[in-house]
Structure formats: C-alpha cells, structure tokens
Amino acid sequence: MPLSSQLSRRERQIMDIVYELGEASAKDMKAHHYLMHKIC
C-alpha cells in the first residue's frame, strides 16, 4: 500500500506543501548559483 493512502487528508496537504516548498527552494538555489557565476 502506498504511503499516500495511509495518510489522512490533512497529512497529505502538509506533505504537498512541504514538497512544493522543497521544489521552490531547489529553484532558488539554482538561480542563486547561476547569478553567482554571472557576477564572479
């Protein structure tokens, strides 16, 4: 049974938010890395 089916609706919502924040953070880090290389 997949983990998502074992979670409550609220737990799934929280996990979705955590995942989205992680995705945003990864994009921010890539953008920061790119900008640092452009400046230096």
Protein backbone atom coordinates (compact mmCIF):
# COMPACT_ATOMS: atom_id res chain seq x y z
CA MET A 1 0.00 0.00 0.00
CA PRO A 2 1.49 3.41 -0.98
CA LEU A 3 2.35 5.79 1.82
CA SER A 4 -0.05 8.42 0.46
CA SER A 5 -3.03 6.13 1.00
CA GLN A 6 -2.02 5.65 4.65
CA LEU A 7 -2.04 9.39 5.37
CA SER A 8 -5.01 11.45 6.46
CA ARG A 9 -6.26 14.21 4.18
CA ARG A 10 -4.58 16.81 6.37
CA GLU A 11 -1.29 14.91 6.38
CA ARG A 12 -1.37 14.73 2.56
CA GLN A 13 -1.98 18.50 2.40
CA ILE A 14 1.02 19.11 4.66
CA MET A 15 3.22 16.80 2.61
CA ASP A 16 2.14 18.58 -0.59
CA ILE A 17 3.14 21.93 0.91
CA VAL A 18 6.48 20.57 2.11
CA TYR A 19 7.15 19.15 -1.35
CA GLU A 20 6.24 22.44 -3.05
CA LEU A 21 8.48 24.39 -0.67
CA GLY A 22 11.32 21.99 -1.44
CA GLU A 23 10.80 22.47 -5.16
CA ALA A 24 10.83 26.25 -4.74
CA SER A 25 13.98 26.06 -2.63
CA ALA A 26 15.74 23.96 -5.26
CA LYS A 27 14.83 26.51 -7.96
CA ASP A 28 16.03 29.36 -5.72
CA MET A 29 19.35 27.61 -5.14
CA LYS A 30 19.83 27.02 -8.87
CA ALA A 31 19.02 30.67 -9.62
CA HIS A 32 21.40 31.85 -6.90
CA HIS A 33 24.14 29.57 -8.22
CA TYR A 34 23.60 30.89 -11.74
CA LEU A 35 23.70 34.52 -10.61
CA MET A 36 26.85 34.00 -8.55
CA HIS A 37 28.64 32.60 -11.60
CA LYS A 38 27.48 35.55 -13.71
CA ILE A 39 28.77 38.07 -11.17
CA CYS A 40 32.12 36.42 -10.42
